[in-house]
Protein backbone atom coordinates (compact mmCIF):
# COMPACT_ATOMS: atom_id res chain seq x y z
CA MET A 1 13.41 -49.25 28.29
CA THR A 2 9.67 -50.01 28.40
CA HIS A 3 6.76 -48.47 26.57
CA ALA A 4 5.78 -46.76 29.82
CA ASP A 5 8.98 -44.73 29.73
CA PRO A 6 8.03 -41.01 29.32
CA THR A 7 11.07 -40.42 27.14
CA PHE A 8 9.96 -43.12 24.73
CA ASP A 9 6.40 -41.76 24.64
CA THR A 10 7.66 -38.22 23.92
CA ARG A 11 9.92 -39.44 21.13
CA ALA A 12 7.13 -41.55 19.61
CA HIS A 13 4.75 -38.61 19.77
CA TYR A 14 7.34 -36.34 18.14
CA MET A 15 7.98 -38.85 15.33
CA ALA A 16 4.23 -39.18 14.74
CA LEU A 17 3.89 -35.38 14.51
CA MET A 18 6.78 -35.17 12.06
CA ALA A 19 5.31 -37.94 9.91
CA ARG A 20 1.94 -36.15 9.88
CA LYS A 21 3.63 -32.87 9.02
CA ARG A 22 5.48 -34.48 6.10
CA LEU A 23 2.22 -36.04 4.90
CA TYR A 24 0.39 -32.70 4.98
CA GLY A 25 3.33 -30.98 3.30
CA GLY A 26 3.35 -33.58 0.55
CA LEU A 27 -0.40 -33.22 0.01
CA VAL A 28 -0.15 -29.43 -0.18
CA LEU A 29 2.73 -29.71 -2.66
CA ALA A 30 0.78 -32.20 -4.79
CA VAL A 31 -2.28 -29.91 -4.84
CA PHE A 32 -0.07 -26.95 -5.74
CA VAL A 33 1.58 -28.84 -8.61
CA ALA A 34 -1.82 -30.02 -9.87
CA LEU A 35 -3.21 -26.47 -9.79
CA MET A 36 -0.14 -25.13 -11.57
CA ALA A 37 -0.35 -27.80 -14.27
CA SER A 38 -4.09 -27.34 -14.83
CA GLY A 39 -3.73 -23.55 -14.83
CA PHE A 40 -0.92 -23.74 -17.37
CA MET A 41 -2.91 -26.07 -19.62
CA LEU A 42 -5.94 -23.77 -19.42
CA ALA A 43 -3.83 -20.70 -20.21
CA ASP A 44 -2.20 -22.51 -23.15
CA GLU A 45 -5.62 -23.46 -24.51
CA ARG A 46 -6.89 -19.89 -24.14
CA ASN A 47 -3.79 -18.81 -26.06
CA ALA A 48 -4.68 -21.26 -28.83
CA GLY A 49 -1.70 -23.40 -27.88
CA GLY A 50 0.65 -20.61 -28.87
CA PHE A 51 3.00 -20.93 -25.92
CA TRP A 52 4.97 -23.91 -27.18
CA ARG A 53 5.10 -22.54 -30.73
CA GLY A 54 6.35 -19.18 -29.49
CA LEU A 55 8.89 -20.53 -26.99
CA PRO A 56 11.70 -20.95 -29.58
CA HIS A 57 11.23 -17.29 -30.61
CA VAL A 58 11.54 -15.83 -27.10
CA PHE A 59 14.87 -14.18 -27.96
CA ASP A 60 13.76 -12.81 -31.33
CA PHE A 61 12.78 -9.39 -29.96
CA PRO A 62 16.10 -8.74 -28.13
CA ALA A 63 17.93 -9.86 -31.28
CA ASP A 64 15.89 -7.43 -33.40
CA VAL A 65 16.59 -4.58 -30.97
CA ILE A 66 20.34 -5.24 -31.06
CA ALA A 67 20.34 -5.62 -34.86
CA ASP A 68 18.43 -2.33 -35.27
CA THR A 69 20.57 -0.44 -32.74
CA ALA A 70 24.07 -1.56 -33.76
CA PRO A 71 24.20 0.41 -37.04
CA LYS A 72 22.80 3.53 -35.31
CA LEU A 73 25.02 3.77 -32.23
CA ASP A 74 25.94 7.33 -33.16
CA GLN A 75 22.26 8.31 -32.73
CA LEU A 76 21.99 6.77 -29.26
CA PRO A 77 23.14 9.85 -27.26
CA GLY A 78 20.55 11.95 -29.07
CA HIS A 79 17.81 9.47 -28.21
CA LEU A 80 18.91 9.48 -24.56
CA LEU A 81 18.55 13.27 -24.45
CA THR A 82 15.21 13.11 -26.25
CA TYR A 83 13.63 10.72 -23.75
CA PHE A 84 15.29 12.14 -20.62
CA PRO A 85 12.33 14.52 -19.89
CA ALA A 86 9.98 11.50 -19.97
CA LEU A 87 12.27 9.76 -17.49
CA VAL A 88 12.13 12.81 -15.21
CA GLU A 89 8.33 12.69 -15.43
CA THR A 90 8.39 9.03 -14.39
CA ILE A 91 10.65 9.81 -11.42
CA ASN A 92 8.38 12.71 -10.43
CA ILE A 93 5.33 10.44 -10.52
CA ALA A 94 7.12 7.94 -8.28
CA ALA A 95 8.37 10.62 -5.87
CA VAL A 96 5.04 12.42 -5.44
CA SER A 97 3.07 9.17 -5.10
CA THR A 98 5.58 7.89 -2.53
CA LEU A 99 5.32 11.08 -0.45
CA ILE A 100 1.52 11.12 -0.52
CA GLY A 101 1.26 7.37 0.08
CA ALA A 102 3.76 7.47 2.97
CA ALA A 103 1.93 10.36 4.66
CA LEU A 104 -1.39 8.53 4.40
CA ALA A 105 0.25 5.28 5.51
CA MET A 106 1.65 6.98 8.62
CA VAL A 107 -1.81 8.18 9.66
CA LEU A 108 -3.47 4.83 8.94
CA SER A 109 -0.76 2.90 10.76
CA LEU A 110 -1.07 5.01 13.90
CA LEU A 111 -4.86 4.63 13.82
CA SER A 112 -4.56 0.85 13.48
CA THR A 113 -1.91 0.15 16.15
CA ARG A 114 -3.05 -1.16 19.52
CA GLY A 115 -2.05 1.16 22.34
CA LEU A 116 -1.73 4.15 20.01
CA ALA A 117 -5.02 4.26 18.11
CA ARG A 118 -7.21 7.33 18.50
CA TRP A 119 -10.33 5.15 18.28
CA PRO A 120 -9.46 1.60 19.43
CA ARG A 121 -12.80 0.15 18.33
CA LEU A 122 -12.10 1.22 14.74
CA ILE A 123 -8.74 -0.59 14.53
CA PRO A 124 -10.22 -3.49 12.47
CA LEU A 125 -11.79 -0.98 10.07
CA PHE A 126 -8.48 0.80 9.42
CA ARG A 127 -6.63 -2.51 9.03
CA ARG A 128 -9.14 -3.85 6.51
CA THR A 129 -8.91 -0.54 4.66
CA MET A 130 -5.14 -1.00 4.30
CA ASP A 131 -5.69 -4.62 3.19
CA ILE A 132 -7.98 -3.44 0.40
CA MET A 133 -5.62 -0.64 -0.64
CA ARG A 134 -2.66 -2.96 -1.13
CA ALA A 135 -4.73 -5.81 -2.58
CA VAL A 136 -5.87 -3.82 -5.62
CA PRO A 137 -3.07 -3.66 -8.25
CA GLU A 138 -1.92 -0.22 -9.36
CA ILE A 139 -2.69 -0.99 -13.00
CA VAL A 140 -6.36 -1.71 -12.22
CA ILE A 141 -6.75 1.59 -10.36
CA ALA A 142 -4.90 3.43 -13.12
CA LEU A 143 -7.13 1.96 -15.85
CA VAL A 144 -10.27 3.07 -14.00
CA LEU A 145 -8.86 6.56 -13.40
CA ILE A 146 -7.70 6.91 -17.02
CA PHE A 147 -11.25 6.05 -18.12
CA ILE A 148 -12.59 8.79 -15.81
CA LEU A 149 -9.86 11.45 -15.96
CA GLY A 150 -8.15 10.69 -19.25
CA GLY A 151 -4.52 9.78 -19.85
CA GLY A 152 -1.60 11.49 -18.16
CA PRO A 153 0.55 11.35 -15.03
CA VAL A 154 -2.23 12.22 -12.55
CA PRO A 155 -4.04 8.83 -12.76
CA ALA A 156 -0.69 7.05 -12.36
CA MET A 157 0.22 9.15 -9.33
CA ILE A 158 -3.13 8.52 -7.62
CA ALA A 159 -3.02 4.78 -8.38
CA ILE A 160 0.52 4.33 -7.06
CA ALA A 161 -0.12 6.51 -3.98
CA PHE A 162 -3.26 4.48 -3.16
CA HIS A 163 -1.37 1.17 -3.32
CA THR A 164 1.66 2.62 -1.52
CA ALA A 165 -0.50 3.77 1.40
CA GLY A 166 -1.78 0.23 1.94
CA ALA A 167 1.62 -1.43 1.58
CA LEU A 168 3.55 1.03 3.75
CA GLY A 169 0.70 1.26 6.27
CA LYS A 170 1.14 -2.44 7.06
CA LEU A 171 4.91 -2.05 7.51
CA PHE A 172 4.57 1.15 9.53
CA SER A 173 2.03 -0.44 11.90
CA GLU A 174 4.48 -3.27 12.64
CA VAL A 175 7.16 -0.67 13.44
CA ASN A 176 4.73 1.23 15.68
CA GLU A 177 4.08 -1.86 17.78
CA ASN A 178 7.73 -1.81 18.93
CA ALA A 179 7.64 1.84 19.98
CA ASP A 180 8.21 2.71 23.64
CA LEU A 181 4.95 3.96 25.17
CA LYS A 182 6.55 5.83 28.09
CA PRO A 183 6.95 9.11 26.16
CA VAL A 184 3.33 8.82 25.03
CA GLU A 185 2.14 8.29 28.59
CA GLY A 186 4.23 11.22 29.77
CA LEU A 187 2.74 13.52 27.16
CA GLN A 188 -0.75 12.31 27.98
CA SER A 189 -0.20 13.09 31.68
CA VAL A 190 0.46 16.76 30.86
CA GLY A 191 -2.65 17.06 28.67
CA ALA A 192 -1.21 16.62 25.17
CA THR A 193 -3.65 15.89 22.35
CA TRP A 194 -3.55 12.62 20.41
CA PHE A 195 -1.78 14.30 17.50
CA GLN A 196 0.83 15.81 19.84
CA ARG A 197 1.42 12.46 21.52
CA MET A 198 1.96 10.76 18.16
CA TRP A 199 4.08 13.53 16.64
CA LEU A 200 6.31 14.08 19.69
CA GLY A 201 6.24 10.69 21.39
CA VAL A 202 6.07 8.09 18.60
CA VAL A 203 7.24 9.57 15.30
CA PRO A 204 10.78 10.45 16.55
CA GLN A 205 11.26 6.82 17.57
CA VAL A 206 10.04 5.23 14.34
CA SER A 207 11.03 7.84 11.73
CA PRO A 208 14.31 6.07 10.73
CA ASN A 209 12.38 2.88 9.94
CA TYR A 210 9.66 4.90 8.20
CA PHE A 211 12.28 6.56 6.02
CA SER A 212 13.98 3.26 5.20
CA TYR A 213 10.73 1.60 4.13
CA ALA A 214 9.70 4.69 2.14
CA LEU A 215 13.01 4.63 0.23
CA LEU A 216 12.50 0.97 -0.59
CA ARG A 217 8.99 1.72 -1.77
CA PHE A 218 10.27 4.59 -3.92
CA GLU A 219 12.40 2.11 -5.88
CA ILE A 220 9.32 -0.07 -6.45
CA ASN A 221 7.24 2.94 -7.49
CA ILE A 222 9.75 3.95 -10.18
CA ARG A 223 9.20 0.56 -11.80
CA ALA A 224 5.44 0.81 -11.30
CA SER A 225 5.22 4.28 -12.86
CA ALA A 226 7.18 3.04 -15.89
CA ILE A 227 4.83 0.06 -16.28
CA LEU A 228 1.73 2.24 -15.98
CA GLY A 229 2.97 4.27 -18.93
CA PHE A 230 2.03 1.31 -21.13
CA VAL A 231 -1.65 1.92 -20.36
CA GLY A 232 -1.49 5.64 -21.17
CA ALA A 233 -0.44 7.03 -17.80
CA GLY A 234 2.43 9.09 -19.20
CA GLY A 235 6.12 8.99 -18.43
CA ILE A 236 8.82 6.96 -20.08
CA GLY A 237 6.67 3.82 -20.21
CA TYR A 238 4.34 5.57 -22.67
CA GLU A 239 7.30 6.48 -24.87
CA LEU A 240 8.58 2.91 -24.72
CA LYS A 241 5.20 1.58 -25.80
CA ASN A 242 5.16 3.94 -28.78
CA ALA A 243 8.71 3.03 -29.79
CA MET A 244 7.96 -0.69 -29.61
CA SER A 245 4.66 -0.28 -31.49
CA TRP A 246 6.48 1.16 -34.52
CA GLY A 247 8.43 -2.08 -34.80
CA GLN A 248 11.55 -2.51 -36.90
CA GLY A 249 13.23 0.82 -37.56
CA LYS A 250 12.38 2.31 -34.15
CA PHE A 251 14.00 -0.31 -31.96
CA ASP A 252 17.06 1.90 -31.49
CA GLU A 253 14.81 4.37 -29.63
CA ALA A 254 13.42 1.51 -27.52
CA ALA A 255 17.02 0.51 -26.70
CA ALA A 256 17.75 4.06 -25.52
CA ILE A 257 14.69 3.95 -23.25
CA PHE A 258 15.73 0.56 -21.86
CA ILE A 259 19.17 1.99 -21.06
CA LEU A 260 17.65 5.02 -19.30
CA LEU A 261 15.32 2.83 -17.23
CA PHE A 262 18.05 0.39 -16.29
CA ALA A 263 20.48 3.14 -15.31
CA THR A 264 17.83 4.96 -13.26
CA ILE A 265 16.81 1.86 -11.31
CA VAL A 266 20.45 0.96 -10.60
CA VAL A 267 21.31 4.51 -9.47
CA PHE A 268 18.32 4.83 -7.11
CA ASP A 269 18.80 1.30 -5.81
CA GLN A 270 22.43 2.05 -4.90
CA LEU A 271 21.55 5.47 -3.49
CA SER A 272 18.76 4.18 -1.25
CA SER A 273 20.90 1.23 -0.11
CA HIS A 274 23.71 3.65 0.82
CA ILE A 275 21.33 5.89 2.78
CA ARG A 276 19.75 2.93 4.59
CA ASN A 277 23.16 1.50 5.51
CA ALA A 278 24.29 4.91 6.76
CA MET A 279 21.17 5.19 8.91
CA ILE A 280 21.68 1.70 10.34
CA ALA A 281 25.34 2.46 11.10
CA LYS A 282 24.40 5.74 12.77
CA LYS A 283 21.70 4.02 14.82
CA GLY A 284 24.14 1.29 15.84
CA GLY A 285 26.74 3.88 16.82
CA HIS A 286 24.30 5.49 19.20
C-alpha cells in the first residue's frame, strides 16, 4: 500500500478530522469547566463565602420539618383539608394558562410554518416572537405584572400563559412541518379561506401531538404556578411561603403542603402519561 492509495488518504483524512474534533471538544470542555469554576467562586464571594459554611447544614430544614410534624400527625388531615382550596387554585391557574397558551401557540405555529403561513414574509417575525416569549422566565413576567396589577392568581396565569405560548409554539411548528399538504391544497382549490384550510386540513392531522405536548406542558405549569406563589401570585405556593416564614411551630403545615404538592404532581404525571400512551396505542392501531 502506497501513500497514493485513495483508501489510505481517506483513512488519514478521517483520523485527522477525528483528532481535530477531539481537540475542539477538549477545548470547549476546558472553557466550560473554567467558566463554571470562576462563576462558582464569584457566587461564593457574593454570598460572603457562606456556601461552604452552610453546606453541612443542608439537611437541617428537612430535619426540623420532620421533628415538628411527628408529634402533630393527628393534625395532618386537618391541614390537608385547610390547604386543599389553595391547591385547587394552583391547578386552576395551571389549567387556564395552559389552555390560553396552547391556543395562542397553535395560531403562532401555523403562522410561522413554511407552506402553511398566512403571510410567508412574516414567518421570521412570528418565530422571533415565540423565541422572546419562551426566553423570558415566568417569574420575571409575574413580578412585573404583580407590580402593575397587584398580587393574586391573574398575574401568575398571564405569566405562565405567555411563556407556554412560546414553548408550545416551537413544538407545534415542528409538528406542523410534518403535516400532509394534500388536504390543504384540496381545500384551497375549492375556495376555502386560510382559517378553513388550517382548521379542516391541518388541525385534524396534528391534534393528537398538540394534545400530547399540551398535557406535558400542563404538568410543568402546575410546578410553575406553585413556584410563582412564593412571589405573591396566589395558590398553594403562597401558603407554603407563609408557613415556612413562621418557622418552628408551623412546619407541620408546611409538611402538609409538601404532601399535597407531591401527590398532585404524581397524580397528574401518571394521568397524562396514561392518556398519551393510550393515544399512541390508538394511533398505532390505526
